[in-house]
Amino acid sequence: MSSELQSLVDTIFEQEESLRFPYFSADVAWEIGSAVRERFMNARSQGQFQKQGCVIHISTFTGQTLFAAAVGEESAIGPVNWKYIEGKKDVARNWNHSSFYVGQHALLKGWEREQYAFGGGFPIWIKGCPSAPLAIIVVSGLAEEDDHQLIVDTLSDYIPRMKPVAWRMGRLPPIPSKPASHTMAR
């Protein structure tokens, strides 16, 4: 069991290392969240995740929600899933790793099951920026390995297809011609 668990921990670590974004934005978060939802729905149409549902949440590390959705069997989704979202986000924030990695690593160390979070929270890193993740994607409602794998499969498909945007290729973004009309609180 220990060598199998160590192999799983190593695999999860490799997923985290390889699934890094060239850039990230609210639009990217929306596309990823929508892609996770679509992947779930496609799996359901093929007989997987029957009578199940999940919630999908993407937020910045500072807490700004960029995407939130519930999908699937409504009776299988409830307030507890949104509570689990918060716990999985906290694990990713505290450890800079996916909640599945932290949970499996804790199991490998012999910690009690109640002492750590379940899988489904995945940090969003930018390539070349090792200081800290920028955002977190979380899925809750399925088995923890399915929550995690739904994210990994979606990111594995999405990230290689990301197209560079001109200002992201070494130039600064354009400056608006007029300042914003709102005033800042002092």
C-alpha atoms as a PDB file:
ATOM      1  CA  MET A   1       0.000   0.000   0.000  1.00  0.00           C
ATOM      2  CA  SER A   2       2.754   2.448   0.911  1.00  0.00           C
ATOM      3  CA  SER A   3       4.552   2.162  -2.453  1.00  0.00           C
ATOM      4  CA  GLU A   4       1.230   2.531  -4.320  1.00  0.00           C
ATOM      5  CA  LEU A   5       0.358   5.567  -2.229  1.00  0.00           C
ATOM      6  CA  GLN A   6       3.821   7.059  -2.772  1.00  0.00           C
ATOM      7  CA  SER A   7       3.383   6.536  -6.514  1.00  0.00           C
ATOM      8  CA  LEU A   8       0.017   8.337  -6.381  1.00  0.00           C
ATOM      9  CA  VAL A   9       1.533  11.241  -4.427  1.00  0.00           C
ATOM     10  CA  ASP A  10       4.334  11.490  -7.005  1.00  0.00           C
ATOM     11  CA  THR A  11       1.808  11.464  -9.867  1.00  0.00           C
ATOM     12  CA  ILE A  12      -0.256  14.237  -8.287  1.00  0.00           C
ATOM     13  CA  PHE A  13       2.903  16.300  -7.752  1.00  0.00           C
ATOM     14  CA  GLU A  14       3.825  15.861 -11.433  1.00  0.00           C
ATOM     15  CA  GLN A  15       0.326  16.976 -12.446  1.00  0.00           C
ATOM     16  CA  GLU A  16       0.727  20.131 -10.396  1.00  0.00           C
ATOM     17  CA  GLU A  17       4.152  20.807 -11.901  1.00  0.00           C
ATOM     18  CA  SER A  18       3.067  20.271 -15.502  1.00  0.00           C
ATOM     19  CA  LEU A  19      -0.323  22.014 -15.458  1.00  0.00           C
ATOM     20  CA  ARG A  20       0.941  25.594 -15.321  1.00  0.00           C
ATOM     21  CA  PHE A  21      -0.632  28.441 -17.261  1.00  0.00           C
ATOM     22  CA  PRO A  22       1.131  30.855 -19.617  1.00  0.00           C
ATOM     23  CA  TYR A  23      -1.324  33.517 -18.383  1.00  0.00           C
ATOM     24  CA  PHE A  24      -4.588  33.674 -16.472  1.00  0.00           C
ATOM     25  CA  SER A  25      -7.594  36.012 -16.512  1.00  0.00           C
ATOM     26  CA  ALA A  26     -11.272  36.135 -15.617  1.00  0.00           C
ATOM     27  CA  ASP A  27     -12.047  35.053 -19.194  1.00  0.00           C
ATOM     28  CA  VAL A  28      -9.757  32.038 -18.840  1.00  0.00           C
ATOM     29  CA  ALA A  29     -11.436  31.162 -15.531  1.00  0.00           C
ATOM     30  CA  TRP A  30     -14.849  31.305 -17.209  1.00  0.00           C
ATOM     31  CA  GLU A  31     -13.661  29.069 -20.065  1.00  0.00           C
ATOM     32  CA  ILE A  32     -12.116  26.539 -17.671  1.00  0.00           C
ATOM     33  CA  GLY A  33     -15.156  26.462 -15.398  1.00  0.00           C
ATOM     34  CA  SER A  34     -17.407  25.986 -18.416  1.00  0.00           C
ATOM     35  CA  ALA A  35     -15.112  23.238 -19.729  1.00  0.00           C
ATOM     36  CA  VAL A  36     -15.232  21.389 -16.380  1.00  0.00           C
ATOM     37  CA  ARG A  37     -19.029  21.634 -16.451  1.00  0.00           C
ATOM     38  CA  GLU A  38     -19.165  20.349 -20.031  1.00  0.00           C
ATOM     39  CA  ARG A  39     -16.795  17.463 -19.219  1.00  0.00           C
ATOM     40  CA  PHE A  40     -19.027  16.472 -16.297  1.00  0.00           C
ATOM     41  CA  MET A  41     -22.146  16.608 -18.489  1.00  0.00           C
ATOM     42  CA  ASN A  42     -20.459  14.549 -21.228  1.00  0.00           C
ATOM     43  CA  ALA A  43     -19.439  11.925 -18.668  1.00  0.00           C
ATOM     44  CA  ARG A  44     -23.032  11.806 -17.392  1.00  0.00           C
ATOM     45  CA  SER A  45     -24.379  11.316 -20.905  1.00  0.00           C
ATOM     46  CA  GLN A  46     -22.061   8.302 -21.183  1.00  0.00           C
ATOM     47  CA  GLY A  47     -23.359   6.728 -17.980  1.00  0.00           C
ATOM     48  CA  GLN A  48     -20.811   8.065 -15.495  1.00  0.00           C
ATOM     49  CA  PHE A  49     -21.768  10.180 -12.457  1.00  0.00           C
ATOM     50  CA  GLN A  50     -25.420   9.116 -12.599  1.00  0.00           C
ATOM     51  CA  LYS A  51     -27.502  10.531  -9.738  1.00  0.00           C
ATOM     52  CA  GLN A  52     -24.549  12.744  -8.825  1.00  0.00           C
ATOM     53  CA  GLY A  53     -23.865  16.429  -9.027  1.00  0.00           C
ATOM     54  CA  CYS A  54     -21.025  18.768  -8.260  1.00  0.00           C
ATOM     55  CA  VAL A  55     -20.214  22.392  -7.691  1.00  0.00           C
ATOM     56  CA  ILE A  56     -17.380  24.117  -9.530  1.00  0.00           C
ATOM     57  CA  HIS A  57     -15.662  27.196  -8.133  1.00  0.00           C
ATOM     58  CA  ILE A  58     -12.712  29.243  -9.363  1.00  0.00           C
ATOM     59  CA  SER A  59     -11.347  32.159  -7.371  1.00  0.00           C
ATOM     60  CA  THR A  60      -8.207  34.204  -7.042  1.00  0.00           C
ATOM     61  CA  PHE A  61      -5.936  33.463  -4.105  1.00  0.00           C
ATOM     62  CA  THR A  62      -7.221  36.678  -2.535  1.00  0.00           C
ATOM     63  CA  GLY A  63     -10.797  35.399  -2.683  1.00  0.00           C
ATOM     64  CA  GLN A  64     -12.379  37.048  -5.740  1.00  0.00           C
ATOM     65  CA  THR A  65     -14.847  34.578  -7.274  1.00  0.00           C
ATOM     66  CA  LEU A  66     -14.322  34.243 -11.027  1.00  0.00           C
ATOM     67  CA  PHE A  67     -16.602  31.260 -11.728  1.00  0.00           C
ATOM     68  CA  ALA A  68     -19.191  29.343  -9.724  1.00  0.00           C
ATOM     69  CA  ALA A  69     -21.697  26.759 -10.900  1.00  0.00           C
ATOM     70  CA  ALA A  70     -23.673  23.751  -9.759  1.00  0.00           C
ATOM     71  CA  VAL A  71     -24.283  20.950 -12.244  1.00  0.00           C
ATOM     72  CA  GLY A  72     -25.912  17.539 -12.280  1.00  0.00           C
ATOM     73  CA  GLU A  73     -28.465  15.966  -9.985  1.00  0.00           C
ATOM     74  CA  GLU A  74     -29.868  18.801  -7.891  1.00  0.00           C
ATOM     75  CA  SER A  75     -30.744  16.525  -4.976  1.00  0.00           C
ATOM     76  CA  ALA A  76     -27.071  15.496  -4.769  1.00  0.00           C
ATOM     77  CA  ILE A  77     -25.842  19.071  -4.326  1.00  0.00           C
ATOM     78  CA  GLY A  78     -26.353  21.112  -1.201  1.00  0.00           C
ATOM     79  CA  PRO A  79     -24.913  23.755   1.093  1.00  0.00           C
ATOM     80  CA  VAL A  80     -22.348  21.268   2.387  1.00  0.00           C
ATOM     81  CA  ASN A  81     -20.685  21.199  -1.048  1.00  0.00           C
ATOM     82  CA  TRP A  82     -20.131  24.949  -0.902  1.00  0.00           C
ATOM     83  CA  LYS A  83     -18.695  24.494   2.599  1.00  0.00           C
ATOM     84  CA  TYR A  84     -16.318  21.837   1.251  1.00  0.00           C
ATOM     85  CA  ILE A  85     -15.278  24.319  -1.448  1.00  0.00           C
ATOM     86  CA  GLU A  86     -14.050  26.661   1.287  1.00  0.00           C
ATOM     87  CA  GLY A  87     -12.122  23.874   3.032  1.00  0.00           C
ATOM     88  CA  LYS A  88     -10.441  22.732  -0.182  1.00  0.00           C
ATOM     89  CA  LYS A  89      -9.524  26.341  -1.022  1.00  0.00           C
ATOM     90  CA  ASP A  90      -8.002  26.754   2.446  1.00  0.00           C
ATOM     91  CA  VAL A  91      -5.863  23.642   1.977  1.00  0.00           C
ATOM     92  CA  ALA A  92      -4.591  24.872  -1.398  1.00  0.00           C
ATOM     93  CA  ARG A  93      -3.871  28.316   0.069  1.00  0.00           C
ATOM     94  CA  ASN A  94      -2.089  26.945   3.141  1.00  0.00           C
ATOM     95  CA  TRP A  95       0.049  24.348   1.369  1.00  0.00           C
ATOM     96  CA  ASN A  96       0.347  25.674  -2.232  1.00  0.00           C
ATOM     97  CA  HIS A  97      -0.641  22.177  -3.388  1.00  0.00           C
ATOM     98  CA  SER A  98      -3.837  20.485  -4.464  1.00  0.00           C
ATOM     99  CA  SER A  99      -6.039  19.225  -1.661  1.00  0.00           C
ATOM    100  CA  PHE A 100      -5.766  15.716  -3.150  1.00  0.00           C
ATOM    101  CA  TYR A 101      -1.956  15.897  -2.911  1.00  0.00           C
ATOM    102  CA  VAL A 102      -2.099  17.144   0.686  1.00  0.00           C
ATOM    103  CA  GLY A 103      -4.648  14.479   1.665  1.00  0.00           C
ATOM    104  CA  GLN A 104      -2.736  11.611   0.080  1.00  0.00           C
ATOM    105  CA  HIS A 105       0.570  12.891   1.466  1.00  0.00           C
ATOM    106  CA  ALA A 106      -1.016  13.073   4.935  1.00  0.00           C
ATOM    107  CA  LEU A 107      -2.302   9.523   4.553  1.00  0.00           C
ATOM    108  CA  LEU A 108       1.212   8.448   3.590  1.00  0.00           C
ATOM    109  CA  LYS A 109       2.481  10.078   6.802  1.00  0.00           C
ATOM    110  CA  GLY A 110      -0.093   8.164   8.863  1.00  0.00           C
ATOM    111  CA  TRP A 111      -2.281  11.099   9.870  1.00  0.00           C
ATOM    112  CA  GLU A 112      -5.873  10.439  10.854  1.00  0.00           C
ATOM    113  CA  ARG A 113      -8.394  10.876   8.041  1.00  0.00           C
ATOM    114  CA  GLU A 114     -10.238  13.663   9.894  1.00  0.00           C
ATOM    115  CA  GLN A 115      -7.100  15.805  10.020  1.00  0.00           C
ATOM    116  CA  TYR A 116      -6.970  16.773   6.355  1.00  0.00           C
ATOM    117  CA  ALA A 117      -9.164  17.830   3.454  1.00  0.00           C
ATOM    118  CA  PHE A 118     -10.415  15.729   0.591  1.00  0.00           C
ATOM    119  CA  GLY A 119      -9.316  16.103  -3.024  1.00  0.00           C
ATOM    120  CA  GLY A 120     -10.838  18.579  -5.430  1.00  0.00           C
ATOM    121  CA  GLY A 121      -8.951  21.845  -4.836  1.00  0.00           C
ATOM    122  CA  PHE A 122      -6.243  22.590  -7.406  1.00  0.00           C
ATOM    123  CA  PRO A 123      -3.932  25.637  -7.364  1.00  0.00           C
ATOM    124  CA  ILE A 124      -3.518  27.619 -10.582  1.00  0.00           C
ATOM    125  CA  TRP A 125       0.123  28.513 -11.145  1.00  0.00           C
ATOM    126  CA  ILE A 126       1.671  30.708 -13.829  1.00  0.00           C
ATOM    127  CA  LYS A 127       4.715  29.258 -15.616  1.00  0.00           C
ATOM    128  CA  GLY A 128       7.891  30.930 -14.425  1.00  0.00           C
ATOM    129  CA  CYS A 129       6.262  32.377 -11.284  1.00  0.00           C
ATOM    130  CA  PRO A 130       7.142  29.962  -8.467  1.00  0.00           C
ATOM    131  CA  SER A 131       6.341  32.265  -5.538  1.00  0.00           C
ATOM    132  CA  ALA A 132       2.680  31.373  -5.079  1.00  0.00           C
ATOM    133  CA  PRO A 133      -0.365  30.237  -7.021  1.00  0.00           C
ATOM    134  CA  LEU A 134      -2.584  32.924  -8.522  1.00  0.00           C
ATOM    135  CA  ALA A 135      -5.952  31.200  -8.220  1.00  0.00           C
ATOM    136  CA  ILE A 136      -7.704  27.989  -7.187  1.00  0.00           C
ATOM    137  CA  ILE A 137     -10.139  25.744  -9.018  1.00  0.00           C
ATOM    138  CA  VAL A 138     -12.313  23.519  -6.843  1.00  0.00           C
ATOM    139  CA  VAL A 139     -14.805  20.743  -7.598  1.00  0.00           C
ATOM    140  CA  SER A 140     -16.950  19.193  -4.862  1.00  0.00           C
ATOM    141  CA  GLY A 141     -19.632  16.520  -4.965  1.00  0.00           C
ATOM    142  CA  LEU A 142     -17.976  13.457  -6.470  1.00  0.00           C
ATOM    143  CA  ALA A 143     -15.502  11.011  -4.952  1.00  0.00           C
ATOM    144  CA  GLU A 144     -12.341  12.971  -4.113  1.00  0.00           C
ATOM    145  CA  GLU A 145     -10.294  11.288  -6.843  1.00  0.00           C
ATOM    146  CA  ASP A 146     -13.037  12.114  -9.376  1.00  0.00           C
ATOM    147  CA  ASP A 147     -13.215  15.744  -8.213  1.00  0.00           C
ATOM    148  CA  HIS A 148      -9.449  15.971  -8.729  1.00  0.00           C
ATOM    149  CA  GLN A 149      -9.385  14.082 -12.025  1.00  0.00           C
ATOM    150  CA  LEU A 150     -12.164  16.207 -13.523  1.00  0.00           C
ATOM    151  CA  ILE A 151      -9.949  19.255 -12.976  1.00  0.00           C
ATOM    152  CA  VAL A 152      -6.753  17.567 -14.196  1.00  0.00           C
ATOM    153  CA  ASP A 153      -8.365  16.212 -17.368  1.00  0.00           C
ATOM    154  CA  THR A 154      -9.869  19.606 -18.179  1.00  0.00           C
ATOM    155  CA  LEU A 155      -6.604  21.485 -17.604  1.00  0.00           C
ATOM    156  CA  SER A 156      -4.641  18.868 -19.576  1.00  0.00           C
ATOM    157  CA  ASP A 157      -6.870  19.584 -22.577  1.00  0.00           C
ATOM    158  CA  TYR A 158      -7.172  23.341 -22.090  1.00  0.00           C
ATOM    159  CA  ILE A 159      -3.648  24.594 -21.301  1.00  0.00           C
ATOM    160  CA  PRO A 160      -1.891  23.268 -24.455  1.00  0.00           C
ATOM    161  CA  ARG A 161      -4.516  25.008 -26.620  1.00  0.00           C
ATOM    162  CA  MET A 162      -4.073  28.437 -25.029  1.00  0.00           C
ATOM    163  CA  LYS A 163      -3.195  31.010 -27.669  1.00  0.00           C
ATOM    164  CA  PRO A 164      -0.805  33.804 -26.805  1.00  0.00           C
ATOM    165  CA  VAL A 165      -2.252  37.299 -26.808  1.00  0.00           C
ATOM    166  CA  ALA A 166      -0.085  40.099 -28.243  1.00  0.00           C
ATOM    167  CA  TRP A 167       0.327  42.093 -25.035  1.00  0.00           C
ATOM    168  CA  ARG A 168       1.156  38.894 -23.168  1.00  0.00           C
ATOM    169  CA  MET A 169       4.132  38.307 -25.458  1.00  0.00           C
ATOM    170  CA  GLY A 170       6.415  40.845 -23.797  1.00  0.00           C
ATOM    171  CA  ARG A 171       4.497  44.082 -24.283  1.00  0.00           C
ATOM    172  CA  LEU A 172       2.563  45.895 -21.610  1.00  0.00           C
ATOM    173  CA  PRO A 173      -1.229  46.033 -21.799  1.00  0.00           C
ATOM    174  CA  PRO A 174      -2.693  49.164 -23.388  1.00  0.00           C
ATOM    175  CA  ILE A 175      -3.470  52.073 -21.095  1.00  0.00           C
ATOM    176  CA  PRO A 176      -7.091  53.267 -21.240  1.00  0.00           C
ATOM    177  CA  SER A 177      -7.548  56.683 -22.846  1.00  0.00           C
ATOM    178  CA  LYS A 178      -9.677  57.946 -19.926  1.00  0.00           C
ATOM    179  CA  PRO A 179      -9.414  57.245 -16.217  1.00  0.00           C
ATOM    180  CA  ALA A 180     -12.165  55.172 -14.643  1.00  0.00           C
ATOM    181  CA  SER A 181     -15.241  57.226 -13.744  1.00  0.00           C
ATOM    182  CA  HIS A 182     -15.460  55.912 -10.176  1.00  0.00           C
ATOM    183  CA  THR A 183     -13.545  57.410  -7.278  1.00  0.00           C
ATOM    184  CA  MET A 184     -11.362  55.475  -4.902  1.00  0.00           C
ATOM    185  CA  ALA A 185     -12.271  55.420  -1.205  1.00  0.00           C
ATOM    186  CA  ARG A 186      -9.772  57.223   0.945  1.00  0.00           C
END
